[in-house]
Amino acid sequence: MTRLVAGSRKSPLAMAQTRLVIEALRQHFGELQVDIEPISTQGDERLDVALSKVGDKGLFVKELETALLEGRIDFAIHSMKDMPGLTPEGLTLMSTGKRANPFDALVSHNGHRLETLPPGALIGTSSLRRQAFLSAIRPDLRFTVIRGNVQTRLAKVDDGQIDATLLAAAGLQRLGLDTRITQILDTGTLTPACCQGTLAVEFANPALASYFQALVHNPTETCCKAERAFLLTLEGGCQVPMAAFAQPIDEKGTYRLQGVVCS
């Protein structure tokens, strides 16, 4: 029996996503035994300031990548939207599974939709992208930085510290929290982050490639490559309010990429 160690961030969402990938591996390769090694990242520990002021996208992955390069874990599971444009030498990155809901979800106090939030409503988010799009639609809205896991952010809505927050719809759905979603904001309102809704696997040992190739959903992989190329070309990160969303538009292999840079 082959035994592997998967690296994961410690949050409930990260652990749930890692278990999803492990279950998919077991369905394809029943002989696999996979253990999870929880790893804390700088992005998880620095909760007192906005991501745009702490550093760049690698905040949620550097410790996992170090563990890969040092051989402490065999593979790591990430949210693809957290990945920097460049992958460190010696590591391979690919999408895993079919993309889930790519859009942002509004979770509000008292069930208000974006258009019915009271004037001057306070929105909790650390994302410059989300702030930029919402400010263009509702210039009256106010924003405050909130960090932490999904449950922490929802609690701030529940106890009235903020009027609403924005979260990736895929994350809420993977945690079984669909009922908390007040409104899905599609590309007509808010273009998602690059690769939002997609899970990524990263590994160092080329011998593992065959395992993860079996999990690749080709349209998802193509969309990720297009969106990440946009991100890399424009040198985007947490400090730049950027968005990208690719999707197939026919059965001939044609894709449309929508990219936005907010000023």
C-alpha atoms as a PDB file:
ATOM      1  CA  MET A   1       0.000   0.000   0.000  1.00  0.00           C
ATOM      2  CA  THR A   2       1.287   3.463  -0.950  1.00  0.00           C
ATOM      3  CA  ARG A   3       1.298   5.964   1.907  1.00  0.00           C
ATOM      4  CA  LEU A   4       1.398   9.722   1.281  1.00  0.00           C
ATOM      5  CA  VAL A   5       1.307  12.810   3.466  1.00  0.00           C
ATOM      6  CA  ALA A   6      -0.834  15.768   2.373  1.00  0.00           C
ATOM      7  CA  GLY A   7      -0.074  19.253   3.643  1.00  0.00           C
ATOM      8  CA  SER A   8      -2.965  21.575   4.448  1.00  0.00           C
ATOM      9  CA  ARG A   9      -3.562  24.868   6.168  1.00  0.00           C
ATOM     10  CA  LYS A  10      -5.268  24.424   9.529  1.00  0.00           C
ATOM     11  CA  SER A  11      -8.557  26.235   8.865  1.00  0.00           C
ATOM     12  CA  PRO A  12     -11.797  24.211   8.680  1.00  0.00           C
ATOM     13  CA  LEU A  13     -12.195  25.160   5.008  1.00  0.00           C
ATOM     14  CA  ALA A  14      -8.646  24.157   4.067  1.00  0.00           C
ATOM     15  CA  MET A  15      -9.009  20.830   5.853  1.00  0.00           C
ATOM     16  CA  ALA A  16     -12.377  20.183   4.178  1.00  0.00           C
ATOM     17  CA  GLN A  17     -10.880  20.912   0.761  1.00  0.00           C
ATOM     18  CA  THR A  18      -7.932  18.620   1.423  1.00  0.00           C
ATOM     19  CA  ARG A  19     -10.295  15.817   2.410  1.00  0.00           C
ATOM     20  CA  LEU A  20     -12.221  16.322  -0.854  1.00  0.00           C
ATOM     21  CA  VAL A  21      -9.057  15.738  -2.871  1.00  0.00           C
ATOM     22  CA  ILE A  22      -8.028  12.751  -0.757  1.00  0.00           C
ATOM     23  CA  GLU A  23     -11.441  11.166  -1.302  1.00  0.00           C
ATOM     24  CA  ALA A  24     -11.107  11.693  -5.066  1.00  0.00           C
ATOM     25  CA  LEU A  25      -7.678  10.039  -4.987  1.00  0.00           C
ATOM     26  CA  ARG A  26      -9.067   7.064  -3.093  1.00  0.00           C
ATOM     27  CA  GLN A  27     -11.857   6.638  -5.627  1.00  0.00           C
ATOM     28  CA  HIS A  28      -9.264   6.391  -8.408  1.00  0.00           C
ATOM     29  CA  PHE A  29      -6.515   4.619  -6.481  1.00  0.00           C
ATOM     30  CA  GLY A  30      -7.961   2.471  -3.730  1.00  0.00           C
ATOM     31  CA  GLU A  31      -4.526   1.382  -2.521  1.00  0.00           C
ATOM     32  CA  LEU A  32      -3.562   4.881  -1.384  1.00  0.00           C
ATOM     33  CA  GLN A  33      -3.281   5.757   2.301  1.00  0.00           C
ATOM     34  CA  VAL A  34      -3.119   9.528   2.835  1.00  0.00           C
ATOM     35  CA  ASP A  35      -2.456  11.303   6.119  1.00  0.00           C
ATOM     36  CA  ILE A  36      -2.968  15.049   6.610  1.00  0.00           C
ATOM     37  CA  GLU A  37      -0.253  17.271   8.074  1.00  0.00           C
ATOM     38  CA  PRO A  38      -1.788  20.612   9.225  1.00  0.00           C
ATOM     39  CA  ILE A  39       0.599  23.529   8.660  1.00  0.00           C
ATOM     40  CA  SER A  40       0.187  27.122   9.816  1.00  0.00           C
ATOM     41  CA  THR A  41       1.057  29.857   7.310  1.00  0.00           C
ATOM     42  CA  GLN A  42       1.988  33.489   7.777  1.00  0.00           C
ATOM     43  CA  GLY A  43      -1.343  34.505   6.276  1.00  0.00           C
ATOM     44  CA  ASP A  44      -3.156  32.525   8.966  1.00  0.00           C
ATOM     45  CA  GLU A  45      -1.139  34.058  11.797  1.00  0.00           C
ATOM     46  CA  ARG A  46      -1.071  37.738  10.752  1.00  0.00           C
ATOM     47  CA  LEU A  47      -4.738  38.571  11.268  1.00  0.00           C
ATOM     48  CA  ASP A  48      -4.305  42.104  12.568  1.00  0.00           C
ATOM     49  CA  VAL A  49      -3.726  43.841   9.222  1.00  0.00           C
ATOM     50  CA  ALA A  50      -5.049  43.695   5.661  1.00  0.00           C
ATOM     51  CA  LEU A  51      -3.445  41.232   3.262  1.00  0.00           C
ATOM     52  CA  SER A  52      -2.481  44.116   0.984  1.00  0.00           C
ATOM     53  CA  LYS A  53      -0.286  45.487   3.785  1.00  0.00           C
ATOM     54  CA  VAL A  54       1.202  42.196   4.979  1.00  0.00           C
ATOM     55  CA  GLY A  55       2.711  41.023   1.719  1.00  0.00           C
ATOM     56  CA  ASP A  56       1.815  39.241  -1.493  1.00  0.00           C
ATOM     57  CA  LYS A  57      -0.153  36.153  -2.510  1.00  0.00           C
ATOM     58  CA  GLY A  58       2.417  33.684  -1.181  1.00  0.00           C
ATOM     59  CA  LEU A  59       1.347  34.416   2.392  1.00  0.00           C
ATOM     60  CA  PHE A  60      -0.907  31.367   2.446  1.00  0.00           C
ATOM     61  CA  VAL A  61       1.430  28.922   0.694  1.00  0.00           C
ATOM     62  CA  LYS A  62       5.112  29.550   1.495  1.00  0.00           C
ATOM     63  CA  GLU A  63       5.236  27.301   4.553  1.00  0.00           C
ATOM     64  CA  LEU A  64       3.530  24.511   2.625  1.00  0.00           C
ATOM     65  CA  GLU A  65       5.976  24.885  -0.253  1.00  0.00           C
ATOM     66  CA  THR A  66       8.902  24.778   2.172  1.00  0.00           C
ATOM     67  CA  ALA A  67       7.531  21.537   3.624  1.00  0.00           C
ATOM     68  CA  LEU A  68       7.324  20.101   0.099  1.00  0.00           C
ATOM     69  CA  LEU A  69      10.885  21.050  -0.790  1.00  0.00           C
ATOM     70  CA  GLU A  70      12.166  19.656   2.508  1.00  0.00           C
ATOM     71  CA  GLY A  71      10.316  16.379   1.951  1.00  0.00           C
ATOM     72  CA  ARG A  72       8.126  16.668   5.053  1.00  0.00           C
ATOM     73  CA  ILE A  73       4.960  16.300   2.978  1.00  0.00           C
ATOM     74  CA  ASP A  74       4.306  14.660  -0.393  1.00  0.00           C
ATOM     75  CA  PHE A  75       1.752  17.109  -1.741  1.00  0.00           C
ATOM     76  CA  ALA A  76      -0.122  20.225  -0.671  1.00  0.00           C
ATOM     77  CA  ILE A  77      -3.692  21.284  -1.363  1.00  0.00           C
ATOM     78  CA  HIS A  78      -4.389  24.973  -1.909  1.00  0.00           C
ATOM     79  CA  SER A  79      -7.125  27.276  -3.088  1.00  0.00           C
ATOM     80  CA  MET A  80      -5.773  28.119  -6.538  1.00  0.00           C
ATOM     81  CA  LYS A  81      -6.705  31.778  -6.038  1.00  0.00           C
ATOM     82  CA  ASP A  82      -4.080  31.985  -3.265  1.00  0.00           C
ATOM     83  CA  MET A  83      -1.221  30.932  -5.543  1.00  0.00           C
ATOM     84  CA  PRO A  84       1.382  33.420  -6.820  1.00  0.00           C
ATOM     85  CA  GLY A  85       1.857  33.654 -10.569  1.00  0.00           C
ATOM     86  CA  LEU A  86       5.211  31.857 -10.437  1.00  0.00           C
ATOM     87  CA  THR A  87       5.709  28.376  -8.989  1.00  0.00           C
ATOM     88  CA  PRO A  88       9.043  27.759  -7.202  1.00  0.00           C
ATOM     89  CA  GLU A  89      11.648  25.701  -9.038  1.00  0.00           C
ATOM     90  CA  GLY A  90      11.339  22.038  -8.170  1.00  0.00           C
ATOM     91  CA  LEU A  91       7.578  22.126  -7.634  1.00  0.00           C
ATOM     92  CA  THR A  92       4.676  21.309  -9.955  1.00  0.00           C
ATOM     93  CA  LEU A  93       1.288  23.014  -9.684  1.00  0.00           C
ATOM     94  CA  MET A  94      -1.949  21.896 -11.323  1.00  0.00           C
ATOM     95  CA  SER A  95      -5.660  22.241 -10.784  1.00  0.00           C
ATOM     96  CA  THR A  96      -7.487  19.302  -9.283  1.00  0.00           C
ATOM     97  CA  GLY A  97     -11.113  18.469  -9.941  1.00  0.00           C
ATOM     98  CA  LYS A  98     -13.838  20.508 -11.600  1.00  0.00           C
ATOM     99  CA  ARG A  99     -14.151  24.144 -10.682  1.00  0.00           C
ATOM    100  CA  ALA A 100     -16.860  24.823  -8.116  1.00  0.00           C
ATOM    101  CA  ASN A 101     -18.972  27.998  -7.991  1.00  0.00           C
ATOM    102  CA  PRO A 102     -16.500  30.727  -9.050  1.00  0.00           C
ATOM    103  CA  PHE A 103     -18.464  33.708  -7.760  1.00  0.00           C
ATOM    104  CA  ASP A 104     -18.538  35.789  -4.601  1.00  0.00           C
ATOM    105  CA  ALA A 105     -21.367  35.492  -2.098  1.00  0.00           C
ATOM    106  CA  LEU A 106     -22.847  38.300  -0.039  1.00  0.00           C
ATOM    107  CA  VAL A 107     -23.723  37.327   3.524  1.00  0.00           C
ATOM    108  CA  SER A 108     -25.683  40.081   5.233  1.00  0.00           C
ATOM    109  CA  HIS A 109     -27.369  40.892   8.504  1.00  0.00           C
ATOM    110  CA  ASN A 110     -31.168  40.677   8.228  1.00  0.00           C
ATOM    111  CA  GLY A 111     -30.999  39.233   4.707  1.00  0.00           C
ATOM    112  CA  HIS A 112     -30.288  42.455   2.805  1.00  0.00           C
ATOM    113  CA  ARG A 113     -29.186  42.125  -0.812  1.00  0.00           C
ATOM    114  CA  LEU A 114     -26.506  44.444  -2.196  1.00  0.00           C
ATOM    115  CA  GLU A 115     -29.096  46.850  -3.573  1.00  0.00           C
ATOM    116  CA  THR A 116     -31.123  46.944  -0.339  1.00  0.00           C
ATOM    117  CA  LEU A 117     -28.298  47.396   2.167  1.00  0.00           C
ATOM    118  CA  PRO A 118     -28.978  50.568   4.184  1.00  0.00           C
ATOM    119  CA  PRO A 119     -27.102  53.750   3.207  1.00  0.00           C
ATOM    120  CA  GLY A 120     -23.600  53.760   4.649  1.00  0.00           C
ATOM    121  CA  ALA A 121     -23.709  50.039   5.466  1.00  0.00           C
ATOM    122  CA  LEU A 122     -20.452  48.644   6.851  1.00  0.00           C
ATOM    123  CA  ILE A 123     -18.932  45.826   4.792  1.00  0.00           C
ATOM    124  CA  GLY A 124     -16.255  43.596   6.279  1.00  0.00           C
ATOM    125  CA  THR A 125     -13.586  42.522   3.774  1.00  0.00           C
ATOM    126  CA  SER A 126      -9.825  42.674   3.362  1.00  0.00           C
ATOM    127  CA  SER A 127     -10.033  42.299  -0.436  1.00  0.00           C
ATOM    128  CA  LEU A 128      -9.163  45.383  -2.499  1.00  0.00           C
ATOM    129  CA  ARG A 129     -10.924  43.754  -5.464  1.00  0.00           C
ATOM    130  CA  ARG A 130     -14.205  43.380  -3.596  1.00  0.00           C
ATOM    131  CA  GLN A 131     -13.977  46.905  -2.222  1.00  0.00           C
ATOM    132  CA  ALA A 132     -13.330  48.372  -5.676  1.00  0.00           C
ATOM    133  CA  PHE A 133     -16.260  46.641  -7.374  1.00  0.00           C
ATOM    134  CA  LEU A 134     -18.743  47.374  -4.591  1.00  0.00           C
ATOM    135  CA  SER A 135     -17.642  51.008  -4.311  1.00  0.00           C
ATOM    136  CA  ALA A 136     -18.340  51.473  -8.013  1.00  0.00           C
ATOM    137  CA  ILE A 137     -21.892  50.168  -7.542  1.00  0.00           C
ATOM    138  CA  ARG A 138     -22.614  51.613  -4.093  1.00  0.00           C
ATOM    139  CA  PRO A 139     -20.311  54.599  -3.371  1.00  0.00           C
ATOM    140  CA  ASP A 140     -22.051  55.078  -0.025  1.00  0.00           C
ATOM    141  CA  LEU A 141     -20.821  51.793   1.414  1.00  0.00           C
ATOM    142  CA  ARG A 142     -18.140  51.790   4.112  1.00  0.00           C
ATOM    143  CA  PHE A 143     -15.484  49.118   4.519  1.00  0.00           C
ATOM    144  CA  THR A 144     -13.574  47.651   7.421  1.00  0.00           C
ATOM    145  CA  VAL A 145     -10.824  45.051   7.300  1.00  0.00           C
ATOM    146  CA  ILE A 146     -11.744  41.643   8.702  1.00  0.00           C
ATOM    147  CA  ARG A 147      -9.523  38.560   8.601  1.00  0.00           C
ATOM    148  CA  GLY A 148      -9.840  35.032   9.902  1.00  0.00           C
ATOM    149  CA  ASN A 149     -11.610  31.874   8.851  1.00  0.00           C
ATOM    150  CA  VAL A 150     -15.114  31.652   7.415  1.00  0.00           C
ATOM    151  CA  GLN A 151     -16.770  31.031  10.779  1.00  0.00           C
ATOM    152  CA  THR A 152     -15.059  34.079  12.315  1.00  0.00           C
ATOM    153  CA  ARG A 153     -16.305  36.333   9.530  1.00  0.00           C
ATOM    154  CA  LEU A 154     -19.848  35.001   9.729  1.00  0.00           C
ATOM    155  CA  ALA A 155     -19.866  35.617  13.482  1.00  0.00           C
ATOM    156  CA  LYS A 156     -19.104  39.299  12.894  1.00  0.00           C
ATOM    157  CA  VAL A 157     -22.223  39.531  10.719  1.00  0.00           C
ATOM    158  CA  ASP A 158     -24.337  37.647  13.239  1.00  0.00           C
ATOM    159  CA  ASP A 159     -23.399  39.847  16.192  1.00  0.00           C
ATOM    160  CA  GLY A 160     -23.876  43.078  14.237  1.00  0.00           C
ATOM    161  CA  GLN A 161     -20.256  44.221  14.107  1.00  0.00           C
ATOM    162  CA  ILE A 162     -20.697  44.566  10.343  1.00  0.00           C
ATOM    163  CA  ASP A 163     -23.735  44.738   8.075  1.00  0.00           C
ATOM    164  CA  ALA A 164     -22.377  42.263   5.536  1.00  0.00           C
ATOM    165  CA  THR A 165     -19.332  40.425   4.302  1.00  0.00           C
ATOM    166  CA  LEU A 166     -18.239  38.835   1.047  1.00  0.00           C
ATOM    167  CA  LEU A 167     -16.922  35.293   0.812  1.00  0.00           C
ATOM    168  CA  ALA A 168     -16.170  32.850  -1.986  1.00  0.00           C
ATOM    169  CA  ALA A 169     -19.383  30.956  -2.664  1.00  0.00           C
ATOM    170  CA  ALA A 170     -17.407  27.745  -3.210  1.00  0.00           C
ATOM    171  CA  GLY A 171     -15.945  27.907   0.286  1.00  0.00           C
ATOM    172  CA  LEU A 172     -19.338  28.309   1.923  1.00  0.00           C
ATOM    173  CA  GLN A 173     -20.741  25.445  -0.114  1.00  0.00           C
ATOM    174  CA  ARG A 174     -17.824  23.138   0.699  1.00  0.00           C
ATOM    175  CA  LEU A 175     -18.456  23.790   4.394  1.00  0.00           C
ATOM    176  CA  GLY A 176     -22.174  23.062   4.033  1.00  0.00           C
ATOM    177  CA  LEU A 177     -23.047  26.697   4.731  1.00  0.00           C
ATOM    178  CA  ASP A 178     -25.103  27.344   1.593  1.00  0.00           C
ATOM    179  CA  THR A 179     -28.004  28.661   3.658  1.00  0.00           C
ATOM    180  CA  ARG A 180     -25.872  31.589   4.850  1.00  0.00           C
ATOM    181  CA  ILE A 181     -25.649  32.991   1.329  1.00  0.00           C
ATOM    182  CA  THR A 182     -27.873  36.036   0.865  1.00  0.00           C
ATOM    183  CA  GLN A 183     -26.919  36.753  -2.744  1.00  0.00           C
ATOM    184  CA  ILE A 184     -24.551  35.362  -5.382  1.00  0.00           C
ATOM    185  CA  LEU A 185     -22.735  38.177  -7.182  1.00  0.00           C
ATOM    186  CA  ASP A 186     -21.907  37.036 -10.717  1.00  0.00           C
ATOM    187  CA  THR A 187     -19.652  38.711 -13.273  1.00  0.00           C
ATOM    188  CA  GLY A 188     -22.281  41.319 -14.054  1.00  0.00           C
ATOM    189  CA  THR A 189     -21.671  42.709 -10.570  1.00  0.00           C
ATOM    190  CA  LEU A 190     -18.351  41.401  -9.294  1.00  0.00           C
ATOM    191  CA  THR A 191     -15.733  39.598 -11.386  1.00  0.00           C
ATOM    192  CA  PRO A 192     -14.157  36.838  -9.275  1.00  0.00           C
ATOM    193  CA  ALA A 193     -10.541  36.510  -8.249  1.00  0.00           C
ATOM    194  CA  CYS A 194      -8.217  34.614 -10.559  1.00  0.00           C
ATOM    195  CA  CYS A 195      -9.047  30.873 -10.316  1.00  0.00           C
ATOM    196  CA  GLN A 196     -11.644  31.366  -7.572  1.00  0.00           C
ATOM    197  CA  GLY A 197     -13.544  28.150  -6.878  1.00  0.00           C
ATOM    198  CA  THR A 198     -10.684  25.930  -8.062  1.00  0.00           C
ATOM    199  CA  LEU A 199      -8.544  23.658  -5.903  1.00  0.00           C
ATOM    200  CA  ALA A 200      -4.838  23.200  -6.612  1.00  0.00           C
ATOM    201  CA  VAL A 201      -2.368  20.452  -5.858  1.00  0.00           C
ATOM    202  CA  GLU A 202       1.365  21.106  -5.606  1.00  0.00           C
ATOM    203  CA  PHE A 203       4.077  18.459  -5.367  1.00  0.00           C
ATOM    204  CA  ALA A 204       7.829  17.970  -5.774  1.00  0.00           C
ATOM    205  CA  ASN A 205       8.177  14.302  -6.713  1.00  0.00           C
ATOM    206  CA  PRO A 206       7.510  13.777 -10.468  1.00  0.00           C
ATOM    207  CA  ALA A 207       6.469  10.190  -9.709  1.00  0.00           C
ATOM    208  CA  LEU A 208       3.250  11.549  -8.173  1.00  0.00           C
ATOM    209  CA  ALA A 209       2.134  13.263 -11.382  1.00  0.00           C
ATOM    210  CA  SER A 210       0.114  10.278 -12.605  1.00  0.00           C
ATOM    211  CA  TYR A 211      -2.046  10.355  -9.480  1.00  0.00           C
ATOM    212  CA  PHE A 212      -3.021  13.982  -9.952  1.00  0.00           C
ATOM    213  CA  GLN A 213      -3.340  13.865 -13.732  1.00  0.00           C
ATOM    214  CA  ALA A 214      -6.240  11.479 -13.135  1.00  0.00           C
ATOM    215  CA  LEU A 215      -8.078  14.237 -11.251  1.00  0.00           C
ATOM    216  CA  VAL A 216      -7.601  17.007 -13.813  1.00  0.00           C
ATOM    217  CA  HIS A 217     -10.768  18.459 -15.361  1.00  0.00           C
ATOM    218  CA  ASN A 218      -9.452  19.783 -18.672  1.00  0.00           C
ATOM    219  CA  PRO A 219     -11.751  22.824 -19.079  1.00  0.00           C
ATOM    220  CA  THR A 220     -10.951  23.886 -15.506  1.00  0.00           C
ATOM    221  CA  GLU A 221      -7.212  23.486 -16.121  1.00  0.00           C
ATOM    222  CA  THR A 222      -7.442  25.558 -19.314  1.00  0.00           C
ATOM    223  CA  CYS A 223      -9.355  28.332 -17.528  1.00  0.00           C
ATOM    224  CA  CYS A 224      -6.800  28.363 -14.711  1.00  0.00           C
ATOM    225  CA  LYS A 225      -3.886  28.659 -17.114  1.00  0.00           C
ATOM    226  CA  ALA A 226      -5.552  31.583 -18.889  1.00  0.00           C
ATOM    227  CA  GLU A 227      -6.434  33.411 -15.679  1.00  0.00           C
ATOM    228  CA  ARG A 228      -2.991  32.841 -14.164  1.00  0.00           C
ATOM    229  CA  ALA A 229      -1.337  34.095 -17.361  1.00  0.00           C
ATOM    230  CA  PHE A 230      -3.352  37.307 -16.996  1.00  0.00           C
ATOM    231  CA  LEU A 231      -2.273  37.595 -13.360  1.00  0.00           C
ATOM    232  CA  LEU A 232       1.395  36.944 -14.145  1.00  0.00           C
ATOM    233  CA  THR A 233       1.527  39.263 -17.159  1.00  0.00           C
ATOM    234  CA  LEU A 234       0.156  42.192 -15.147  1.00  0.00           C
ATOM    235  CA  GLU A 235       2.090  41.206 -12.002  1.00  0.00           C
ATOM    236  CA  GLY A 236      -1.054  41.073  -9.898  1.00  0.00           C
ATOM    237  CA  GLY A 237      -1.288  40.110  -6.245  1.00  0.00           C
ATOM    238  CA  CYS A 238      -3.004  41.046  -3.008  1.00  0.00           C
ATOM    239  CA  GLN A 239      -1.795  44.639  -3.400  1.00  0.00           C
ATOM    240  CA  VAL A 240      -3.490  45.128  -6.784  1.00  0.00           C
ATOM    241  CA  PRO A 241      -7.299  44.960  -7.205  1.00  0.00           C
ATOM    242  CA  MET A 242      -7.443  42.542 -10.137  1.00  0.00           C
ATOM    243  CA  ALA A 243      -9.990  40.009 -11.322  1.00  0.00           C
ATOM    244  CA  ALA A 244     -10.035  37.353 -14.034  1.00  0.00           C
ATOM    245  CA  PHE A 245     -12.606  34.835 -15.192  1.00  0.00           C
ATOM    246  CA  ALA A 246     -12.322  32.437 -18.136  1.00  0.00           C
ATOM    247  CA  GLN A 247     -15.001  30.093 -19.401  1.00  0.00           C
ATOM    248  CA  PRO A 248     -15.618  27.875 -22.439  1.00  0.00           C
ATOM    249  CA  ILE A 249     -18.113  29.401 -24.839  1.00  0.00           C
ATOM    250  CA  ASP A 250     -18.596  26.569 -27.337  1.00  0.00           C
ATOM    251  CA  GLU A 251     -17.744  22.919 -27.934  1.00  0.00           C
ATOM    252  CA  LYS A 252     -14.894  23.755 -30.327  1.00  0.00           C
ATOM    253  CA  GLY A 253     -12.427  24.610 -27.586  1.00  0.00           C
ATOM    254  CA  THR A 254     -12.992  28.371 -27.619  1.00  0.00           C
ATOM    255  CA  TYR A 255     -12.674  30.223 -24.328  1.00  0.00           C
ATOM    256  CA  ARG A 256     -13.462  33.782 -23.296  1.00  0.00           C
ATOM    257  CA  LEU A 257     -11.297  35.547 -20.709  1.00  0.00           C
ATOM    258  CA  GLN A 258     -12.633  38.545 -18.814  1.00  0.00           C
ATOM    259  CA  GLY A 259      -9.894  40.464 -17.017  1.00  0.00           C
ATOM    260  CA  VAL A 260     -10.270  43.575 -14.875  1.00  0.00           C
ATOM    261  CA  VAL A 261      -7.768  45.875 -13.193  1.00  0.00           C
ATOM    262  CA  CYS A 262      -9.381  48.415 -10.866  1.00  0.00           C
ATOM    263  CA  SER A 263      -7.874  51.832 -10.281  1.00  0.00           C
END
